[in-house]
C-alpha atoms as a PDB file:
ATOM      1  CA  MET A   1      50.980 160.771  62.302  1.00  0.00           C
ATOM      2  CA  SER A   2      48.721 152.431  61.712  1.00  0.00           C
ATOM      3  CA  ASP A   3      47.266 150.377  64.871  1.00  0.00           C
ATOM      4  CA  ARG A   4      43.602 148.794  64.552  1.00  0.00           C
ATOM      5  CA  GLU A   5      43.439 146.609  67.554  1.00  0.00           C
ATOM      6  CA  PRO A   6      42.433 146.818  70.897  1.00  0.00           C
ATOM      7  CA  VAL A   7      45.322 147.123  73.522  1.00  0.00           C
ATOM      8  CA  VAL A   8      45.212 145.063  76.787  1.00  0.00           C
ATOM      9  CA  ARG A   9      47.950 145.158  79.351  1.00  0.00           C
ATOM     10  CA  SER A  10      49.284 141.884  80.620  1.00  0.00           C
ATOM     11  CA  ALA A  11      49.980 143.617  83.682  1.00  0.00           C
ATOM     12  CA  ARG A  12      45.929 145.129  83.892  1.00  0.00           C
ATOM     13  CA  THR A  13      45.756 148.041  86.647  1.00  0.00           C
ATOM     14  CA  ARG A  14      42.396 149.410  87.425  1.00  0.00           C
ATOM     15  CA  ARG A  15      40.478 148.811  83.757  1.00  0.00           C
ATOM     16  CA  GLU A  16      41.238 147.344  80.215  1.00  0.00           C
ATOM     17  CA  PHE A  17      42.937 149.838  77.556  1.00  0.00           C
ATOM     18  CA  VAL A  18      40.808 149.535  74.475  1.00  0.00           C
ATOM     19  CA  ALA A  19      41.984 150.968  72.002  1.00  0.00           C
ATOM     20  CA  LEU A  20      39.905 155.029  70.540  1.00  0.00           C
ATOM     21  CA  GLY A  21      40.374 154.081  66.613  1.00  0.00           C
ATOM     22  CA  VAL A  22      43.907 154.944  65.364  1.00  0.00           C
ATOM     23  CA  GLY A  23      46.975 156.027  65.925  1.00  0.00           C
ATOM     24  CA  ALA A  24      49.300 156.579  69.411  1.00  0.00           C
ATOM     25  CA  LEU A  25      47.625 157.092  72.214  1.00  0.00           C
ATOM     26  CA  VAL A  26      44.506 154.171  73.790  1.00  0.00           C
ATOM     27  CA  VAL A  27      42.133 154.955  76.334  1.00  0.00           C
ATOM     28  CA  ALA A  28      40.364 153.070  79.309  1.00  0.00           C
ATOM     29  CA  SER A  29      37.908 150.705  78.600  1.00  0.00           C
ATOM     30  CA  VAL A  30      34.829 152.369  80.876  1.00  0.00           C
ATOM     31  CA  PRO A  31      31.365 150.925  81.800  1.00  0.00           C
ATOM     32  CA  TRP A  32      28.800 151.234  79.321  1.00  0.00           C
ATOM     33  CA  ARG A  33      25.792 152.318  81.684  1.00  0.00           C
ATOM     34  CA  VAL A  34      27.674 154.235  85.161  1.00  0.00           C
ATOM     35  CA  ARG A  35      25.094 156.048  88.251  1.00  0.00           C
ATOM     36  CA  ARG A  36      22.940 156.023  85.173  1.00  0.00           C
ATOM     37  CA  ARG A  37      25.045 158.033  82.892  1.00  0.00           C
ATOM     38  CA  VAL A  38      25.509 156.545  78.704  1.00  0.00           C
ATOM     39  CA  LEU A  39      28.902 156.713  77.710  1.00  0.00           C
ATOM     40  CA  ALA A  40      27.868 157.274  73.810  1.00  0.00           C
ATOM     41  CA  GLN A  41      30.409 156.740  71.198  1.00  0.00           C
ATOM     42  CA  ARG A  42      31.417 157.433  67.517  1.00  0.00           C
ATOM     43  CA  THR A  43      34.729 156.728  65.675  1.00  0.00           C
ATOM     44  CA  VAL A  44      34.850 158.544  62.559  1.00  0.00           C
ATOM     45  CA  PRO A  45      37.471 159.503  59.750  1.00  0.00           C
ATOM     46  CA  SER A  46      38.515 162.728  59.866  1.00  0.00           C
ATOM     47  CA  MET A  47      41.867 164.812  59.826  1.00  0.00           C
ATOM     48  CA  GLY A  48      43.734 161.987  57.614  1.00  0.00           C
ATOM     49  CA  THR A  49      43.349 159.895  60.911  1.00  0.00           C
ATOM     50  CA  ILE A  50      40.162 158.643  62.998  1.00  0.00           C
ATOM     51  CA  ALA A  51      38.539 160.520  65.223  1.00  0.00           C
ATOM     52  CA  ASP A  52      37.247 159.138  68.456  1.00  0.00           C
ATOM     53  CA  PHE A  53      33.832 160.378  70.861  1.00  0.00           C
ATOM     54  CA  ALA A  54      33.398 159.433  74.109  1.00  0.00           C
ATOM     55  CA  VAL A  55      30.633 161.582  76.005  1.00  0.00           C
ATOM     56  CA  VAL A  56      29.472 161.642  79.678  1.00  0.00           C
ATOM     57  CA  HIS A  57      25.612 161.543  79.647  1.00  0.00           C
ATOM     58  CA  ARG A  58      22.186 160.808  80.474  1.00  0.00           C
ATOM     59  CA  ASP A  59      20.891 161.180  77.708  1.00  0.00           C
ATOM     60  CA  GLU A  60      22.525 159.037  74.550  1.00  0.00           C
ATOM     61  CA  PRO A  61      20.576 160.060  72.344  1.00  0.00           C
ATOM     62  CA  TYR A  62      22.110 164.224  73.194  1.00  0.00           C
ATOM     63  CA  ALA A  63      24.989 163.067  73.453  1.00  0.00           C
ATOM     64  CA  GLN A  64      25.017 161.754  69.783  1.00  0.00           C
ATOM     65  CA  ALA A  65      23.817 164.664  68.851  1.00  0.00           C
ATOM     66  CA  ALA A  66      26.891 166.856  70.445  1.00  0.00           C
ATOM     67  CA  ILE A  67      29.218 164.777  69.283  1.00  0.00           C
ATOM     68  CA  GLY A  68      27.706 164.905  65.868  1.00  0.00           C
ATOM     69  CA  ALA A  69      27.686 168.998  66.551  1.00  0.00           C
ATOM     70  CA  ALA A  70      31.596 168.902  67.836  1.00  0.00           C
ATOM     71  CA  LEU A  71      32.457 166.796  64.381  1.00  0.00           C
ATOM     72  CA  ALA A  72      31.606 168.831  61.934  1.00  0.00           C
ATOM     73  CA  ARG A  73      33.405 171.612  63.705  1.00  0.00           C
ATOM     74  CA  LEU A  74      36.505 169.540  63.527  1.00  0.00           C
ATOM     75  CA  ARG A  75      35.218 169.279  59.998  1.00  0.00           C
ATOM     76  CA  MET A  76      35.239 172.293  58.997  1.00  0.00           C
ATOM     77  CA  VAL A  77      38.907 173.543  60.655  1.00  0.00           C
ATOM     78  CA  GLU A  78      40.148 170.333  57.703  1.00  0.00           C
ATOM     79  CA  ALA A  79      38.753 171.974  55.500  1.00  0.00           C
ATOM     80  CA  LEU A  80      40.089 175.303  55.849  1.00  0.00           C
ATOM     81  CA  MET A  81      43.838 174.096  56.840  1.00  0.00           C
ATOM     82  CA  THR A  82      44.055 171.038  54.700  1.00  0.00           C
ATOM     83  CA  ARG A  83      46.659 171.522  51.880  1.00  0.00           C
ATOM     84  CA  TYR A  84      45.133 168.803  50.009  1.00  0.00           C
ATOM     85  CA  ARG A  85      42.820 170.927  49.128  1.00  0.00           C
ATOM     86  CA  PRO A  86      42.789 173.636  46.906  1.00  0.00           C
ATOM     87  CA  SER A  87      39.763 175.468  47.026  1.00  0.00           C
ATOM     88  CA  SER A  88      41.321 174.841  51.500  1.00  0.00           C
ATOM     89  CA  ASP A  89      42.538 178.371  53.093  1.00  0.00           C
ATOM     90  CA  VAL A  90      46.331 176.832  53.080  1.00  0.00           C
ATOM     91  CA  GLY A  91      45.123 175.610  48.962  1.00  0.00           C
ATOM     92  CA  ARG A  92      44.596 178.544  48.473  1.00  0.00           C
ATOM     93  CA  ALA A  93      47.500 180.137  50.211  1.00  0.00           C
ATOM     94  CA  ASN A  94      49.985 177.469  49.318  1.00  0.00           C
ATOM     95  CA  ARG A  95      48.813 178.223  45.405  1.00  0.00           C
ATOM     96  CA  GLY A  96      48.848 182.837  45.479  1.00  0.00           C
ATOM     97  CA  ALA A  97      50.906 184.104  48.156  1.00  0.00           C
ATOM     98  CA  ALA A  98      53.465 184.102  46.499  1.00  0.00           C
ATOM     99  CA  ARG A  99      52.345 186.806  44.450  1.00  0.00           C
ATOM    100  CA  ASP A 100      49.304 188.554  46.027  1.00  0.00           C
ATOM    101  CA  GLY A 101      48.416 188.457  49.577  1.00  0.00           C
ATOM    102  CA  VAL A 102      45.392 185.985  50.104  1.00  0.00           C
ATOM    103  CA  LEU A 103      42.489 186.602  52.488  1.00  0.00           C
ATOM    104  CA  VAL A 104      41.574 182.918  55.072  1.00  0.00           C
ATOM    105  CA  THR A 105      39.718 182.758  57.726  1.00  0.00           C
ATOM    106  CA  PRO A 106      40.234 184.170  61.138  1.00  0.00           C
ATOM    107  CA  GLU A 107      41.004 180.364  62.051  1.00  0.00           C
ATOM    108  CA  THR A 108      43.044 179.861  60.234  1.00  0.00           C
ATOM    109  CA  ALA A 109      44.779 182.316  60.710  1.00  0.00           C
ATOM    110  CA  THR A 110      44.261 182.289  64.934  1.00  0.00           C
ATOM    111  CA  VAL A 111      46.671 179.102  64.126  1.00  0.00           C
ATOM    112  CA  LEU A 112      49.739 180.323  61.384  1.00  0.00           C
ATOM    113  CA  ARG A 113      49.683 183.084  63.899  1.00  0.00           C
ATOM    114  CA  ALA A 114      50.465 179.987  67.144  1.00  0.00           C
ATOM    115  CA  SER A 115      52.319 178.258  64.032  1.00  0.00           C
ATOM    116  CA  LEU A 116      54.926 181.115  64.332  1.00  0.00           C
ATOM    117  CA  ASP A 117      55.217 181.613  67.285  1.00  0.00           C
ATOM    118  CA  TRP A 118      56.363 178.259  67.898  1.00  0.00           C
ATOM    119  CA  ALA A 119      58.517 178.817  65.224  1.00  0.00           C
ATOM    120  CA  THR A 120      60.068 181.832  66.958  1.00  0.00           C
ATOM    121  CA  ARG A 121      60.378 180.359  70.177  1.00  0.00           C
ATOM    122  CA  THR A 122      62.387 177.134  68.504  1.00  0.00           C
ATOM    123  CA  ASP A 123      63.948 179.524  66.907  1.00  0.00           C
ATOM    124  CA  GLY A 124      62.434 177.711  62.839  1.00  0.00           C
ATOM    125  CA  ALA A 125      62.694 173.794  64.947  1.00  0.00           C
ATOM    126  CA  PHE A 126      59.270 174.099  63.980  1.00  0.00           C
ATOM    127  CA  ASP A 127      58.303 175.174  60.526  1.00  0.00           C
ATOM    128  CA  PRO A 128      54.850 176.208  59.774  1.00  0.00           C
ATOM    129  CA  ALA A 129      56.493 176.574  55.425  1.00  0.00           C
ATOM    130  CA  LEU A 130      57.206 173.102  55.142  1.00  0.00           C
ATOM    131  CA  ASP A 131      54.814 172.085  52.858  1.00  0.00           C
ATOM    132  CA  GLY A 132      57.914 171.533  49.884  1.00  0.00           C
ATOM    133  CA  VAL A 133      60.110 169.076  52.160  1.00  0.00           C
ATOM    134  CA  VAL A 134      57.145 167.328  52.768  1.00  0.00           C
ATOM    135  CA  GLN A 135      56.187 166.285  49.441  1.00  0.00           C
ATOM    136  CA  LEU A 136      59.662 166.678  48.639  1.00  0.00           C
ATOM    137  CA  TRP A 137      60.290 163.322  51.126  1.00  0.00           C
ATOM    138  CA  ASP A 138      56.218 162.609  50.740  1.00  0.00           C
ATOM    139  CA  VAL A 139      57.243 159.300  53.090  1.00  0.00           C
ATOM    140  CA  GLY A 140      53.636 157.867  52.632  1.00  0.00           C
ATOM    141  CA  HIS A 141      54.753 156.751  49.135  1.00  0.00           C
ATOM    142  CA  ARG A 142      58.651 156.969  49.126  1.00  0.00           C
ATOM    143  CA  THR A 143      61.105 153.020  49.173  1.00  0.00           C
ATOM    144  CA  THR A 144      63.927 155.960  48.335  1.00  0.00           C
ATOM    145  CA  PRO A 145      65.996 159.487  49.166  1.00  0.00           C
ATOM    146  CA  PRO A 146      64.933 161.978  47.011  1.00  0.00           C
ATOM    147  CA  ALA A 147      67.964 163.981  44.912  1.00  0.00           C
ATOM    148  CA  ARG A 148      71.103 164.969  48.042  1.00  0.00           C
ATOM    149  CA  ASP A 149      70.896 168.593  45.090  1.00  0.00           C
ATOM    150  CA  ALA A 150      66.881 169.365  45.846  1.00  0.00           C
ATOM    151  CA  VAL A 151      66.768 168.450  49.798  1.00  0.00           C
ATOM    152  CA  ARG A 152      70.035 171.676  50.259  1.00  0.00           C
ATOM    153  CA  ARG A 153      67.407 173.427  48.510  1.00  0.00           C
ATOM    154  CA  TYR A 154      65.151 173.519  51.273  1.00  0.00           C
ATOM    155  CA  ALA A 155      67.859 172.945  54.734  1.00  0.00           C
ATOM    156  CA  GLY A 156      68.561 175.375  57.466  1.00  0.00           C
ATOM    157  CA  ARG A 157      66.144 178.434  55.592  1.00  0.00           C
ATOM    158  CA  GLY A 158      64.464 179.420  57.698  1.00  0.00           C
ATOM    159  CA  LEU A 159      61.244 179.387  55.318  1.00  0.00           C
ATOM    160  CA  TYR A 160      59.203 180.410  58.688  1.00  0.00           C
ATOM    161  CA  ARG A 161      60.704 184.076  58.330  1.00  0.00           C
ATOM    162  CA  GLY A 162      58.940 184.220  54.822  1.00  0.00           C
ATOM    163  CA  LEU A 163      55.501 183.675  56.488  1.00  0.00           C
ATOM    164  CA  ASP A 164      53.569 187.151  57.129  1.00  0.00           C
ATOM    165  CA  VAL A 165      50.600 187.448  58.463  1.00  0.00           C
ATOM    166  CA  SER A 166      48.308 190.078  58.338  1.00  0.00           C
ATOM    167  CA  THR A 167      45.445 192.166  57.574  1.00  0.00           C
ATOM    168  CA  TRP A 168      43.548 192.944  54.414  1.00  0.00           C
ATOM    169  CA  SER A 169      41.073 195.735  54.239  1.00  0.00           C
ATOM    170  CA  GLY A 170      40.224 194.840  57.886  1.00  0.00           C
ATOM    171  CA  LYS A 171      40.081 191.168  57.045  1.00  0.00           C
ATOM    172  CA  PRO A 172      43.322 188.418  57.341  1.00  0.00           C
ATOM    173  CA  ALA A 173      45.766 187.942  54.242  1.00  0.00           C
ATOM    174  CA  VAL A 174      48.788 184.948  53.862  1.00  0.00           C
ATOM    175  CA  ARG A 175      51.177 186.151  51.321  1.00  0.00           C
ATOM    176  CA  PHE A 176      54.795 185.114  50.806  1.00  0.00           C
ATOM    177  CA  THR A 177      58.184 186.574  51.124  1.00  0.00           C
ATOM    178  CA  GLN A 178      60.303 184.489  50.335  1.00  0.00           C
ATOM    179  CA  PRO A 179      60.620 181.495  47.161  1.00  0.00           C
ATOM    180  CA  ASP A 180      59.634 177.887  47.717  1.00  0.00           C
ATOM    181  CA  LEU A 181      57.541 178.780  50.642  1.00  0.00           C
ATOM    182  CA  GLY A 182      54.248 176.915  51.153  1.00  0.00           C
ATOM    183  CA  ILE A 183      52.311 175.818  54.134  1.00  0.00           C
ATOM    184  CA  ASP A 184      52.026 172.485  56.022  1.00  0.00           C
ATOM    185  CA  LEU A 185      50.095 172.523  59.405  1.00  0.00           C
ATOM    186  CA  GLY A 186      49.968 169.043  60.172  1.00  0.00           C
ATOM    187  CA  GLY A 187      52.369 169.465  63.291  1.00  0.00           C
ATOM    188  CA  ILE A 188      49.250 171.786  64.778  1.00  0.00           C
ATOM    189  CA  ALA A 189      45.849 171.843  62.944  1.00  0.00           C
ATOM    190  CA  LYS A 190      44.305 169.219  64.339  1.00  0.00           C
ATOM    191  CA  GLY A 191      45.466 169.755  68.193  1.00  0.00           C
ATOM    192  CA  TYR A 192      43.372 173.086  66.873  1.00  0.00           C
ATOM    193  CA  GLY A 193      40.440 170.788  65.918  1.00  0.00           C
ATOM    194  CA  VAL A 194      40.436 168.888  68.984  1.00  0.00           C
ATOM    195  CA  ASP A 195      40.002 171.715  70.989  1.00  0.00           C
ATOM    196  CA  GLN A 196      37.591 174.028  68.638  1.00  0.00           C
ATOM    197  CA  ALA A 197      35.993 169.865  68.905  1.00  0.00           C
ATOM    198  CA  VAL A 198      36.028 170.390  72.450  1.00  0.00           C
ATOM    199  CA  ALA A 199      34.451 173.990  72.656  1.00  0.00           C
ATOM    200  CA  VAL A 200      30.995 172.826  70.756  1.00  0.00           C
ATOM    201  CA  LEU A 201      30.964 169.821  73.624  1.00  0.00           C
ATOM    202  CA  ARG A 202      31.335 172.528  76.832  1.00  0.00           C
ATOM    203  CA  ASP A 203      28.604 174.744  74.375  1.00  0.00           C
ATOM    204  CA  TRP A 204      26.225 171.720  74.522  1.00  0.00           C
ATOM    205  CA  GLY A 205      26.473 171.440  78.163  1.00  0.00           C
ATOM    206  CA  ILE A 206      28.893 168.593  77.991  1.00  0.00           C
ATOM    207  CA  GLU A 207      30.923 168.120  80.997  1.00  0.00           C
ATOM    208  CA  HIS A 208      32.444 164.827  80.161  1.00  0.00           C
ATOM    209  CA  ALA A 209      34.033 163.701  76.819  1.00  0.00           C
ATOM    210  CA  LEU A 210      37.043 162.390  75.573  1.00  0.00           C
ATOM    211  CA  VAL A 211      38.211 163.414  71.986  1.00  0.00           C
ATOM    212  CA  ASN A 212      40.833 161.331  69.884  1.00  0.00           C
ATOM    213  CA  VAL A 213      42.328 162.459  66.512  1.00  0.00           C
ATOM    214  CA  GLY A 214      44.801 159.713  65.453  1.00  0.00           C
ATOM    215  CA  GLY A 215      46.478 161.112  69.213  1.00  0.00           C
ATOM    216  CA  ASP A 216      45.985 164.400  69.732  1.00  0.00           C
ATOM    217  CA  LEU A 217      43.201 163.818  72.796  1.00  0.00           C
ATOM    218  CA  TYR A 218      41.584 165.628  75.122  1.00  0.00           C
ATOM    219  CA  ALA A 219      39.750 164.460  78.253  1.00  0.00           C
ATOM    220  CA  MET A 220      37.133 167.068  79.779  1.00  0.00           C
ATOM    221  CA  GLY A 221      35.977 165.920  83.062  1.00  0.00           C
ATOM    222  CA  ARG A 222      36.101 162.396  84.385  1.00  0.00           C
ATOM    223  CA  SER A 223      34.927 159.209  83.085  1.00  0.00           C
ATOM    224  CA  ALA A 224      31.786 157.212  82.890  1.00  0.00           C
ATOM    225  CA  ASP A 225      33.048 155.542  86.295  1.00  0.00           C
ATOM    226  CA  GLY A 226      33.374 159.185  87.975  1.00  0.00           C
ATOM    227  CA  GLY A 227      37.058 158.674  87.680  1.00  0.00           C
ATOM    228  CA  PRO A 228      40.102 160.570  85.610  1.00  0.00           C
ATOM    229  CA  TRP A 229      40.308 159.822  81.763  1.00  0.00           C
ATOM    230  CA  ARG A 230      42.756 157.152  81.113  1.00  0.00           C
ATOM    231  CA  VAL A 231      45.754 156.916  78.355  1.00  0.00           C
ATOM    232  CA  GLY A 232      48.249 154.922  77.855  1.00  0.00           C
ATOM    233  CA  VAL A 233      51.045 155.271  74.948  1.00  0.00           C
ATOM    234  CA  ARG A 234      51.474 152.649  72.429  1.00  0.00           C
ATOM    235  CA  SER A 235      54.832 150.988  72.566  1.00  0.00           C
ATOM    236  CA  PRO A 236      56.254 152.051  69.023  1.00  0.00           C
ATOM    237  CA  ASP A 237      57.548 148.735  68.421  1.00  0.00           C
ATOM    238  CA  ARG A 238      54.907 146.376  70.044  1.00  0.00           C
ATOM    239  CA  ALA A 239      51.093 148.053  69.620  1.00  0.00           C
ATOM    240  CA  ASP A 240      49.889 145.314  72.033  1.00  0.00           C
ATOM    241  CA  GLN A 241      52.092 146.770  74.384  1.00  0.00           C
ATOM    242  CA  LEU A 242      51.444 150.188  76.212  1.00  0.00           C
ATOM    243  CA  VAL A 243      54.982 152.015  77.134  1.00  0.00           C
ATOM    244  CA  ALA A 244      53.064 155.177  79.790  1.00  0.00           C
ATOM    245  CA  GLU A 245      49.712 155.458  81.414  1.00  0.00           C
ATOM    246  CA  PHE A 246      48.289 158.643  82.399  1.00  0.00           C
ATOM    247  CA  ASP A 247      45.070 159.190  83.939  1.00  0.00           C
ATOM    248  CA  LEU A 248      43.450 162.595  82.364  1.00  0.00           C
ATOM    249  CA  GLU A 249      40.577 165.649  83.357  1.00  0.00           C
ATOM    250  CA  ASP A 250      40.498 168.301  81.546  1.00  0.00           C
ATOM    251  CA  ALA A 251      44.147 168.187  79.959  1.00  0.00           C
ATOM    252  CA  ALA A 252      45.371 166.958  76.165  1.00  0.00           C
ATOM    253  CA  VAL A 253      48.462 164.968  75.282  1.00  0.00           C
ATOM    254  CA  ALA A 254      49.757 165.026  71.908  1.00  0.00           C
ATOM    255  CA  THR A 255      52.420 162.263  70.718  1.00  0.00           C
ATOM    256  CA  SER A 256      54.857 162.424  67.691  1.00  0.00           C
ATOM    257  CA  GLY A 257      56.799 159.526  66.862  1.00  0.00           C
ATOM    258  CA  ASP A 258      58.995 157.814  63.944  1.00  0.00           C
ATOM    259  CA  TYR A 259      57.251 154.608  63.500  1.00  0.00           C
ATOM    260  CA  LEU A 260      53.342 155.598  61.594  1.00  0.00           C
ATOM    261  CA  GLN A 261      54.883 157.017  58.594  1.00  0.00           C
ATOM    262  CA  TYR A 262      57.930 155.724  57.486  1.00  0.00           C
ATOM    263  CA  PHE A 263      60.160 154.147  54.781  1.00  0.00           C
ATOM    264  CA  GLU A 264      63.267 152.800  55.652  1.00  0.00           C
ATOM    265  CA  TYR A 265      66.952 152.648  53.307  1.00  0.00           C
ATOM    266  CA  GLY A 266      70.125 152.104  53.619  1.00  0.00           C
ATOM    267  CA  GLY A 267      69.512 150.722  57.051  1.00  0.00           C
ATOM    268  CA  ARG A 268      67.420 153.622  58.508  1.00  0.00           C
ATOM    269  CA  ARG A 269      64.202 155.036  58.878  1.00  0.00           C
ATOM    270  CA  TYR A 270      62.844 157.965  57.472  1.00  0.00           C
ATOM    271  CA  HIS A 271      59.734 159.652  58.604  1.00  0.00           C
ATOM    272  CA  HIS A 272      57.555 162.514  58.347  1.00  0.00           C
ATOM    273  CA  LEU A 273      59.271 164.330  61.550  1.00  0.00           C
ATOM    274  CA  LEU A 274      61.383 166.750  58.755  1.00  0.00           C
ATOM    275  CA  ASP A 275      64.147 168.537  60.086  1.00  0.00           C
ATOM    276  CA  PRO A 276      63.855 173.049  58.732  1.00  0.00           C
ATOM    277  CA  VAL A 277      67.327 172.568  59.816  1.00  0.00           C
ATOM    278  CA  THR A 278      68.587 169.385  57.599  1.00  0.00           C
ATOM    279  CA  GLY A 279      65.241 168.959  54.948  1.00  0.00           C
ATOM    280  CA  GLU A 280      65.493 165.285  56.365  1.00  0.00           C
ATOM    281  CA  PRO A 281      63.884 163.644  58.720  1.00  0.00           C
ATOM    282  CA  ARG A 282      65.185 164.235  62.249  1.00  0.00           C
ATOM    283  CA  VAL A 283      67.743 161.843  63.033  1.00  0.00           C
ATOM    284  CA  SER A 284      66.935 160.673  66.778  1.00  0.00           C
ATOM    285  CA  VAL A 285      67.503 158.057  69.319  1.00  0.00           C
ATOM    286  CA  MET A 286      64.041 159.172  70.549  1.00  0.00           C
ATOM    287  CA  ARG A 287      61.062 156.598  69.382  1.00  0.00           C
ATOM    288  CA  SER A 288      57.932 158.499  70.555  1.00  0.00           C
ATOM    289  CA  ILE A 289      57.214 161.544  72.167  1.00  0.00           C
ATOM    290  CA  THR A 290      53.895 162.471  74.589  1.00  0.00           C
ATOM    291  CA  ALA A 291      54.093 166.640  74.885  1.00  0.00           C
ATOM    292  CA  GLN A 292      51.298 167.563  77.770  1.00  0.00           C
ATOM    293  CA  ALA A 293      49.410 171.287  78.451  1.00  0.00           C
ATOM    294  CA  GLY A 294      46.389 172.700  78.558  1.00  0.00           C
ATOM    295  CA  ASP A 295      44.598 173.033  75.256  1.00  0.00           C
ATOM    296  CA  CYS A 296      45.359 170.362  72.758  1.00  0.00           C
ATOM    297  CA  MET A 297      46.627 172.667  69.660  1.00  0.00           C
ATOM    298  CA  THR A 298      50.113 173.432  72.351  1.00  0.00           C
ATOM    299  CA  ALA A 299      50.440 169.857  72.389  1.00  0.00           C
ATOM    300  CA  ASP A 300      50.421 169.088  69.171  1.00  0.00           C
ATOM    301  CA  ALA A 301      53.057 172.053  68.659  1.00  0.00           C
ATOM    302  CA  ALA A 302      54.984 171.113  71.213  1.00  0.00           C
ATOM    303  CA  ALA A 303      55.059 166.897  70.428  1.00  0.00           C
ATOM    304  CA  THR A 304      56.126 168.060  66.640  1.00  0.00           C
ATOM    305  CA  ALA A 305      58.604 170.510  67.976  1.00  0.00           C
ATOM    306  CA  CYS A 306      60.756 168.106  70.491  1.00  0.00           C
ATOM    307  CA  PHE A 307      60.668 164.984  69.069  1.00  0.00           C
ATOM    308  CA  GLY A 308      65.127 164.037  68.400  1.00  0.00           C
ATOM    309  CA  GLN A 309      65.118 167.531  70.900  1.00  0.00           C
ATOM    310  CA  ASP A 310      67.328 168.067  73.627  1.00  0.00           C
ATOM    311  CA  PRO A 311      64.526 167.814  76.738  1.00  0.00           C
ATOM    312  CA  VAL A 312      66.989 170.356  78.117  1.00  0.00           C
ATOM    313  CA  ALA A 313      65.881 173.872  75.282  1.00  0.00           C
ATOM    314  CA  ALA A 314      62.970 171.372  74.813  1.00  0.00           C
ATOM    315  CA  ARG A 315      61.995 172.641  78.023  1.00  0.00           C
ATOM    316  CA  THR A 316      62.778 176.104  77.479  1.00  0.00           C
ATOM    317  CA  TRP A 317      59.998 176.581  74.682  1.00  0.00           C
ATOM    318  CA  LEU A 318      57.584 174.508  76.755  1.00  0.00           C
ATOM    319  CA  THR A 319      58.014 176.002  79.537  1.00  0.00           C
ATOM    320  CA  PRO A 320      56.875 179.344  78.941  1.00  0.00           C
ATOM    321  CA  ALA A 321      53.497 177.476  76.923  1.00  0.00           C
ATOM    322  CA  GLY A 322      52.175 176.399  80.178  1.00  0.00           C
ATOM    323  CA  ALA A 323      53.443 172.220  78.806  1.00  0.00           C
ATOM    324  CA  HIS A 324      55.826 169.462  79.391  1.00  0.00           C
ATOM    325  CA  ILE A 325      56.821 166.400  77.919  1.00  0.00           C
ATOM    326  CA  ALA A 326      55.005 163.332  79.958  1.00  0.00           C
ATOM    327  CA  HIS A 327      56.945 160.830  78.563  1.00  0.00           C
ATOM    328  CA  SER A 328      59.881 159.451  75.445  1.00  0.00           C
ATOM    329  CA  VAL A 329      61.075 156.753  74.514  1.00  0.00           C
END
């Protein structure tokens, strides 16, 4: 869901672009000190990728403390919703929800309910219950596709219909009502984590900041030069080139593409964006899609759901959610 070097446009606009961490999105550089304000920055590993924070404030120590609090919230979301930790809400549900109801935190329940809303809205094009399919393909380690019989076991199942999120003794609980279910929130939890980090920054009185977690990005207020945050989308083929640019202010974007997590076999690229209908990586002429919305969880789910989909169908999903496709290539 890597590129690591700064991106500079050959024909620059009003600012030079620099990479803020790993992922499909980059952000234009701004002066360190403008009108007695400082751009406080921090780049750290989080949620399986790189998290970048940039806060515009007069007091750099205060800004750094706010970043630390936002990072702590982001890591809390990761600890609750990663599928890689047996102790997380998702890990405990994947081990026990097929037998009994498993209690989860309100935060995880919020993301699960949002995931199910997206699954219903898209008739299963977005499915949060694909952990078994994700493990089967394991594009980060595989070099050949899995056996066809194993793939067919998951294809067209509408697995999300077997994911029940309700309450037990007044607390959120998860139960699986079909076999082969497992939760994977990789297409939405990162966006939720960005939104939570932004909420913490607002609680600290921060008005102008940017949070970018591996290509899920929220721009608060304005950049240090007083203008909107300028965001560029990397080319799927050339990490040193951009295919689109946006001015953002109090808005989120997220990008999904086939070029960061994949393997190639028999002349085909097998990427991590899986199609619940076929149980395979989605076949598409599209290489990258960027969705924009008022919050990052919506943008994240929208980009995941709409990758490789018919644009007309995608609009019917996105409009009620207050999202739109900002760019695709």
